[in-house]
Amino acid sequence: MIISIIIPTFNRVELISETLDSVRLQTYQKWECIIVDDGSTDGTQQVIWEYVNKDKRFSFIQRYRDPKGAPTCRNIGIEKSTGDYIIFLDSDDLLTENCLEKRLELILKNPGFDFWVFRTAQFKISQGDSNTTWNLLIKEMDDLQRFILGDLPWHTTGPIWLKETLIEIGGFDETALCYQDWELHIRILIKKYKYCKSSDEYIDSYYRNDQLNKQNTISKHHFSLYQIISRIELFENIYLQVIAVDNRKEIKDAFCVLFFRLFIELHQHENKQHLYKMHKLLNHLRIFNFIEVVLLRMLIVILINKRINNRFYKNIIKFLVLINKNKFNNTANNTFQS
C-alpha cells in the first residue's frame, strides 16, 4: 500500500531539509511525498529539487491556481496523490522513523475506518527537547465539543486518512484564511465519519513550537484584523452546520465560549467594522443568553465610542469572563484565555 505524504510549504529554506529527511528515513518504504510550494522566494524550491533528483518518491508541484495558502496546496496534493492513504505534514514538522510503519500496523489491525489518529509531541529545535505533547487523544468530553472549545484533540499530522474520505468531504476550505484544519476536522465529525484513535502512548510525529521560525508560515498574520473578519465568518458558518445536526446544550455552550473568546480579541483592535459584524452575529445566531447579549452590546457601544479605559467597561469584561469560565469549569479552565 502506498502512503502519500503531502507537504505545503512557503519560504522554509532553513527547515525543510530536516522535514524531508524525516520522510526519507521511514522504515516503511512504500510512500510518495508531494511538496506543493506556495511561491517561495528564499531558495526553498532549490532544496526541494535536490531531494526530487535524488529520490523519485519525492515530487515537486508549484501551486498553479488561486487562492494562495496552505488549504489550496493541500488540496492540490490530494488531487495529485496516488496513494491509498494520506498524511499531511507541515514543512517545519517531523515524523519519527517508524511513523508510517506504526500507522499501517494500526490500520491493518483496525480496518473499516475513514481515518486513524495518533499522538503528536511538540519540540523547539530537535525531537525530545520539550516534554509537551500536543494534547490527550482520550478525554471524557467528546471530540466535537473539544474542537469547538479550542481544546484540539489532535494535530494536523495526527490522522492518516483514506484518500477517498478526503475526496468525499471536499478537502480543505480554500476560502478560510486560518483555522483550516480545525474546520476540516469539525466537518468530518459532524458528518459522522468513522475513526479510530490509537491507544498507544507512542509519539510518531513532532510539531515545531518555535515562534521565531513560525513567522513565515503560509497562514501567518493569524491575529490581523483581516483574518479576524475571516474567523467571524468561518465560525458563523461552522456554527450553523453543527447546530443543524447537533444542538445539545453542551455544544451551544462550547460555541458561546468560542465566540466570546473572539470578542475579547476584537476589543483589543477597536475596529468598528469588526464590531458591527459581531453585533450582526449576535442578532443572527442567538447563542448567548439575554444577560450576555445585553452586556456584549454595551461593550460594543463603548468600544465604538473608544472609551475602553472606562472602569465600567473593564468590570463588564471581568463578569463575562467569569460567566464563560463557569460554564466549563475544568475543561474551560484549561482552554479558555481571557
Protein backbone atom coordinates (compact mmCIF):
# COMPACT_ATOMS: atom_id res chain seq x y z
CA MET A 1 0.00 0.00 0.00
CA ILE A 2 1.30 3.45 -0.91
CA ILE A 3 1.05 6.24 1.68
CA SER A 4 1.01 9.79 0.30
CA ILE A 5 2.62 12.48 2.46
CA ILE A 6 1.51 15.97 1.44
CA ILE A 7 3.63 18.96 2.45
CA PRO A 8 2.56 22.57 1.72
CA THR A 9 5.48 24.96 2.01
CA PHE A 10 6.43 28.62 1.79
CA ASN A 11 9.90 30.10 2.42
CA ARG A 12 11.26 27.22 4.51
CA VAL A 13 14.81 27.04 3.18
CA GLU A 14 16.32 26.74 6.69
CA LEU A 15 14.00 23.98 7.91
CA ILE A 16 12.53 21.92 5.08
CA SER A 17 15.56 19.62 4.70
CA GLU A 18 15.02 18.31 8.23
CA THR A 19 11.35 17.65 7.43
CA LEU A 20 12.14 15.87 4.16
CA ASP A 21 14.85 13.81 5.85
CA SER A 22 12.30 12.59 8.39
CA VAL A 23 10.26 11.30 5.44
CA ARG A 24 13.24 9.84 3.56
CA LEU A 25 14.33 7.78 6.59
CA GLN A 26 11.00 5.99 7.07
CA THR A 27 11.29 2.27 7.84
CA TYR A 28 8.21 1.69 5.67
CA GLN A 29 9.35 2.26 2.09
CA LYS A 30 6.17 2.42 0.01
CA TRP A 31 5.47 6.13 0.19
CA GLU A 32 5.33 9.20 -2.02
CA CYS A 33 5.96 12.71 -0.76
CA ILE A 34 4.25 15.55 -2.63
CA ILE A 35 5.64 19.00 -1.81
CA VAL A 36 3.40 21.85 -3.00
CA ASP A 37 5.15 25.22 -2.95
CA ASP A 38 3.12 28.38 -2.38
CA GLY A 39 5.52 30.72 -4.19
CA SER A 40 8.72 30.60 -2.13
CA THR A 41 11.39 33.21 -2.87
CA ASP A 42 14.14 32.17 -0.44
CA GLY A 43 15.70 29.11 -2.09
CA THR A 44 13.18 26.57 -0.76
CA GLN A 45 12.41 25.35 -4.28
CA GLN A 46 16.07 24.58 -4.99
CA VAL A 47 16.29 22.49 -1.81
CA ILE A 48 13.17 20.56 -2.81
CA TRP A 49 14.59 19.82 -6.27
CA GLU A 50 17.70 18.32 -4.67
CA TYR A 51 15.51 15.71 -2.96
CA VAL A 52 13.39 15.11 -6.06
CA ASN A 53 16.50 14.47 -8.16
CA LYS A 54 17.91 12.01 -5.60
CA ASP A 55 14.72 10.09 -4.79
CA LYS A 56 11.84 9.81 -7.26
CA ARG A 57 9.38 9.21 -4.41
CA PHE A 58 9.59 12.96 -3.81
CA SER A 59 7.69 15.20 -6.23
CA PHE A 60 7.54 18.98 -6.52
CA ILE A 61 4.48 20.97 -7.55
CA GLN A 62 4.23 24.73 -7.80
CA ARG A 63 0.78 25.94 -6.75
CA TYR A 64 -0.94 26.55 -10.08
CA ARG A 65 -4.26 28.06 -9.03
CA ASP A 66 -5.66 30.54 -6.55
CA PRO A 67 -6.23 31.25 -3.78
CA LYS A 68 -2.81 31.32 -2.19
CA GLY A 69 -2.48 29.37 1.04
CA ALA A 70 -1.97 26.01 2.71
CA PRO A 71 -5.54 24.73 2.03
CA THR A 72 -5.11 25.13 -1.74
CA CYS A 73 -1.67 23.50 -1.61
CA ARG A 74 -3.01 20.55 0.39
CA ASN A 75 -5.97 20.10 -1.95
CA ILE A 76 -3.64 20.10 -4.95
CA GLY A 77 -1.62 17.43 -3.17
CA ILE A 78 -4.75 15.32 -2.66
CA GLU A 79 -5.64 15.66 -6.34
CA LYS A 80 -2.16 14.60 -7.48
CA SER A 81 -1.65 11.80 -4.95
CA THR A 82 -1.64 8.15 -5.98
CA GLY A 83 -1.63 6.58 -2.52
CA ASP A 84 -4.44 4.77 -0.73
CA TYR A 85 -3.78 6.77 2.44
CA ILE A 86 -2.78 10.39 3.07
CA ILE A 87 -0.86 12.18 5.83
CA PHE A 88 -0.50 15.98 5.99
CA LEU A 89 2.87 17.22 7.21
CA ASP A 90 3.86 20.88 7.61
CA SER A 91 7.21 21.86 6.18
CA ASP A 92 8.84 22.50 9.56
CA ASP A 93 7.45 19.46 11.41
CA LEU A 94 8.82 15.92 11.67
CA LEU A 95 7.88 12.25 11.52
CA THR A 96 9.62 9.58 13.60
CA GLU A 97 11.42 6.92 11.55
CA ASN A 98 8.73 4.27 12.08
CA CYS A 99 5.72 6.60 11.84
CA LEU A 100 4.36 5.06 8.63
CA GLU A 101 5.08 1.52 9.80
CA LYS A 102 3.20 2.05 13.08
CA ARG A 103 0.26 3.69 11.36
CA LEU A 104 -0.12 0.97 8.79
CA GLU A 105 0.04 -1.60 11.58
CA LEU A 106 -2.94 0.01 13.35
CA ILE A 107 -4.87 0.26 10.06
CA LEU A 108 -4.40 -3.45 9.36
CA LYS A 109 -5.48 -4.36 12.90
CA ASN A 110 -8.48 -2.00 12.80
CA PRO A 111 -9.91 -1.92 9.24
CA GLY A 112 -13.14 -0.26 8.15
CA PHE A 113 -12.45 3.28 9.41
CA ASP A 114 -12.25 6.53 7.45
CA PHE A 115 -9.23 7.80 9.36
CA TRP A 116 -6.95 6.79 12.23
CA VAL A 117 -5.47 9.22 14.77
CA PHE A 118 -2.07 9.22 16.51
CA ARG A 119 -0.27 11.30 19.11
CA THR A 120 1.95 14.30 18.37
CA ALA A 121 4.56 15.97 20.59
CA GLN A 122 5.98 19.47 20.44
CA PHE A 123 9.60 20.48 20.01
CA LYS A 124 11.59 23.68 19.52
CA ILE A 125 14.90 22.78 17.92
CA SER A 126 15.14 18.97 17.96
CA GLN A 127 12.97 15.99 18.85
CA GLY A 128 12.78 15.47 22.60
CA ASP A 129 13.75 18.99 23.71
CA SER A 130 10.25 19.53 25.10
CA ASN A 131 8.12 17.35 27.37
CA THR A 132 4.90 18.79 26.00
CA THR A 133 2.53 16.69 23.92
CA TRP A 134 0.06 18.30 21.53
CA ASN A 135 -2.90 17.03 23.56
CA LEU A 136 -4.54 13.94 25.02
CA LEU A 137 -6.32 11.76 22.49
CA ILE A 138 -8.68 10.39 25.12
CA LYS A 139 -10.79 12.58 27.43
CA GLU A 140 -14.28 12.30 28.87
CA MET A 141 -15.55 15.16 26.73
CA ASP A 142 -16.42 14.22 23.15
CA ASP A 143 -14.06 15.33 20.37
CA LEU A 144 -16.54 17.65 18.65
CA GLN A 145 -17.05 19.69 21.80
CA ARG A 146 -13.29 19.77 22.39
CA PHE A 147 -12.60 21.10 18.88
CA ILE A 148 -15.22 23.85 19.29
CA LEU A 149 -13.66 24.88 22.60
CA GLY A 150 -10.20 25.02 21.05
CA ASP A 151 -9.01 22.04 23.10
CA LEU A 152 -7.84 20.33 19.90
CA PRO A 153 -7.58 16.57 20.48
CA TRP A 154 -5.10 16.01 17.66
CA HIS A 155 -2.71 17.92 15.42
CA THR A 156 -2.91 18.20 11.62
CA THR A 157 -0.31 15.44 11.22
CA GLY A 158 -2.09 13.22 13.78
CA PRO A 159 -4.53 11.48 11.38
CA ILE A 160 -3.82 9.16 8.48
CA TRP A 161 -6.73 9.41 6.05
CA LEU A 162 -8.34 7.20 3.49
CA LYS A 163 -7.87 9.23 0.31
CA GLU A 164 -11.48 8.58 -0.73
CA THR A 165 -12.69 10.10 2.56
CA LEU A 166 -10.89 13.38 1.88
CA ILE A 167 -12.23 13.49 -1.67
CA GLU A 168 -15.76 12.78 -0.49
CA ILE A 169 -15.64 15.51 2.18
CA GLY A 170 -14.27 18.02 -0.35
CA GLY A 171 -10.83 18.56 1.17
CA PHE A 172 -9.87 21.81 2.89
CA ASP A 173 -11.89 25.03 2.71
CA GLU A 174 -9.68 27.18 0.46
CA THR A 175 -11.54 30.38 1.35
CA ALA A 176 -10.59 30.16 5.04
CA LEU A 177 -7.62 32.36 5.93
CA CYS A 178 -6.99 30.47 9.18
CA TYR A 179 -8.40 27.60 11.27
CA GLN A 180 -8.50 25.44 8.11
CA ASP A 181 -7.51 22.22 9.93
CA TRP A 182 -9.98 22.96 12.72
CA GLU A 183 -12.76 23.48 10.18
CA LEU A 184 -11.98 20.25 8.31
CA HIS A 185 -11.96 18.17 11.48
CA ILE A 186 -15.27 19.61 12.70
CA ARG A 187 -16.84 18.99 9.29
CA ILE A 188 -15.61 15.38 9.38
CA LEU A 189 -17.00 14.85 12.90
CA ILE A 190 -20.49 16.24 12.25
CA LYS A 191 -20.80 14.07 9.15
CA LYS A 192 -20.18 11.03 11.36
CA TYR A 193 -17.16 9.60 9.57
CA LYS A 194 -15.72 6.66 11.49
CA TYR A 195 -12.31 6.98 13.10
CA CYS A 196 -10.02 5.02 15.37
CA LYS A 197 -7.72 6.64 17.96
CA SER A 198 -4.51 4.87 18.85
CA SER A 199 -4.43 3.73 22.46
CA ASP A 200 -0.64 3.52 22.29
CA GLU A 201 1.28 6.22 24.16
CA TYR A 202 3.88 6.22 21.38
CA ILE A 203 4.63 9.60 19.76
CA ASP A 204 5.06 9.32 15.99
CA SER A 205 5.14 12.96 14.84
CA TYR A 206 6.54 16.24 16.12
CA TYR A 207 5.12 19.77 15.85
CA ARG A 208 7.67 22.59 15.86
CA ASN A 209 6.61 25.08 18.52
CA ASP A 210 9.25 27.70 17.81
CA GLN A 211 7.60 31.08 17.34
CA LEU A 212 10.69 32.61 15.72
CA ASN A 213 10.54 30.05 12.92
CA LYS A 214 6.75 30.23 12.63
CA GLN A 215 6.88 33.80 11.30
CA ASN A 216 6.96 32.74 7.65
CA THR A 217 4.14 30.21 7.77
CA ILE A 218 1.65 30.13 4.89
CA SER A 219 -1.14 31.16 7.25
CA LYS A 220 0.73 33.95 9.03
CA HIS A 221 -0.85 37.14 10.46
CA HIS A 222 -3.28 34.97 12.42
CA PHE A 223 -4.32 37.91 14.62
CA SER A 224 -4.53 40.55 11.91
CA LEU A 225 -7.82 42.43 11.53
CA TYR A 226 -8.33 40.88 8.11
CA GLN A 227 -8.04 37.38 9.49
CA ILE A 228 -10.32 38.11 12.44
CA ILE A 229 -13.04 39.11 9.96
CA SER A 230 -12.45 35.78 8.21
CA ARG A 231 -12.74 33.95 11.53
CA ILE A 232 -16.08 35.60 12.35
CA GLU A 233 -17.46 34.37 9.03
CA LEU A 234 -15.89 30.91 9.41
CA PHE A 235 -17.19 30.46 12.97
CA GLU A 236 -20.68 31.52 11.89
CA ASN A 237 -20.65 29.03 9.03
CA ILE A 238 -19.42 26.19 11.25
CA TYR A 239 -21.93 27.05 13.97
CA LEU A 240 -24.83 26.79 11.53
CA GLN A 241 -23.55 23.46 10.18
CA VAL A 242 -23.03 21.93 13.61
CA ILE A 243 -26.29 23.10 15.21
CA ALA A 244 -28.24 21.73 12.25
CA VAL A 245 -27.18 18.20 13.25
CA ASP A 246 -26.25 18.51 16.94
CA ASN A 247 -27.98 21.10 19.13
CA ARG A 248 -27.03 19.72 22.55
CA LYS A 249 -26.69 22.32 25.30
CA GLU A 250 -23.03 21.36 25.71
CA ILE A 251 -22.38 22.17 22.05
CA LYS A 252 -24.18 25.53 22.25
CA ASP A 253 -22.24 26.42 25.40
CA ALA A 254 -18.99 25.49 23.66
CA PHE A 255 -19.83 27.90 20.82
CA CYS A 256 -20.70 30.56 23.36
CA VAL A 257 -17.18 30.32 24.79
CA LEU A 258 -15.69 30.28 21.27
CA PHE A 259 -17.45 33.46 20.20
CA PHE A 260 -16.73 35.20 23.47
CA ARG A 261 -13.03 34.47 23.11
CA LEU A 262 -13.19 36.02 19.64
CA PHE A 263 -14.95 39.05 21.06
CA ILE A 264 -12.18 39.50 23.65
CA GLU A 265 -9.67 39.57 20.78
CA LEU A 266 -11.79 42.08 18.89
CA HIS A 267 -11.89 44.59 21.69
CA GLN A 268 -8.10 44.92 21.54
CA HIS A 269 -8.30 46.24 17.95
CA GLU A 270 -11.10 48.80 18.44
CA ASN A 271 -12.18 48.34 14.83
CA LYS A 272 -15.77 49.37 14.06
CA GLN A 273 -16.09 47.07 11.05
CA HIS A 274 -15.39 44.03 13.21
CA LEU A 275 -17.68 45.21 15.97
CA TYR A 276 -20.60 45.72 13.60
CA LYS A 277 -20.03 42.21 12.24
CA MET A 278 -20.08 40.82 15.76
CA HIS A 279 -23.27 42.77 16.51
CA LYS A 280 -24.87 41.26 13.40
CA LEU A 281 -23.72 37.83 14.55
CA LEU A 282 -25.31 38.32 17.99
CA ASN A 283 -28.64 39.14 16.35
CA HIS A 284 -28.46 36.23 13.92
CA LEU A 285 -27.14 33.31 15.93
CA ARG A 286 -28.78 33.86 19.33
CA ILE A 287 -26.22 31.70 21.11
CA PHE A 288 -25.78 33.94 24.15
CA ASN A 289 -28.34 34.26 26.93
CA PHE A 290 -30.19 37.54 27.46
CA ILE A 291 -27.80 38.95 30.07
CA GLU A 292 -24.75 38.16 27.95
CA VAL A 293 -26.28 39.74 24.85
CA VAL A 294 -27.09 42.94 26.77
CA LEU A 295 -23.59 43.15 28.22
CA LEU A 296 -21.88 42.42 24.90
CA ARG A 297 -23.93 45.08 23.15
CA MET A 298 -23.00 47.57 25.85
CA LEU A 299 -19.35 46.71 25.24
CA ILE A 300 -19.77 47.27 21.52
CA VAL A 301 -21.21 50.74 22.12
CA ILE A 302 -18.35 51.58 24.49
CA LEU A 303 -15.77 50.30 22.00
CA ILE A 304 -17.27 52.21 19.09
CA ASN A 305 -17.02 55.37 21.17
CA LYS A 306 -13.42 54.48 22.09
CA ARG A 307 -13.86 54.58 25.85
CA ILE A 308 -12.13 51.30 26.68
CA ASN A 309 -10.37 52.75 29.73
CA ASN A 310 -13.76 53.13 31.32
CA ARG A 311 -13.92 51.22 34.65
CA PHE A 312 -17.46 50.09 33.80
CA TYR A 313 -16.14 48.52 30.61
CA LYS A 314 -13.44 46.60 32.48
CA ASN A 315 -15.94 45.30 35.03
CA ILE A 316 -18.22 44.02 32.26
CA ILE A 317 -15.29 42.17 30.70
CA LYS A 318 -14.44 40.53 34.03
CA PHE A 319 -18.05 39.48 34.57
CA LEU A 320 -18.37 37.96 31.11
CA VAL A 321 -15.10 36.07 31.53
CA LEU A 322 -16.43 34.67 34.80
CA ILE A 323 -19.69 33.55 33.16
CA ASN A 324 -17.86 31.73 30.40
CA LYS A 325 -15.34 30.11 32.72
CA ASN A 326 -18.08 28.81 34.96
CA LYS A 327 -19.79 27.15 32.00
CA PHE A 328 -16.97 24.72 31.52
CA ASN A 329 -15.22 24.51 34.88
CA ASN A 330 -12.30 22.12 34.46
CA THR A 331 -12.25 21.96 30.66
CA ALA A 332 -12.68 25.67 30.07
CA ASN A 333 -10.01 26.47 32.63
CA ASN A 334 -7.56 24.51 30.51
CA THR A 335 -8.52 26.05 27.19
CA PHE A 336 -10.01 29.49 27.82
CA GLN A 337 -7.74 32.52 27.67
CA SER A 338 -9.23 35.81 28.81
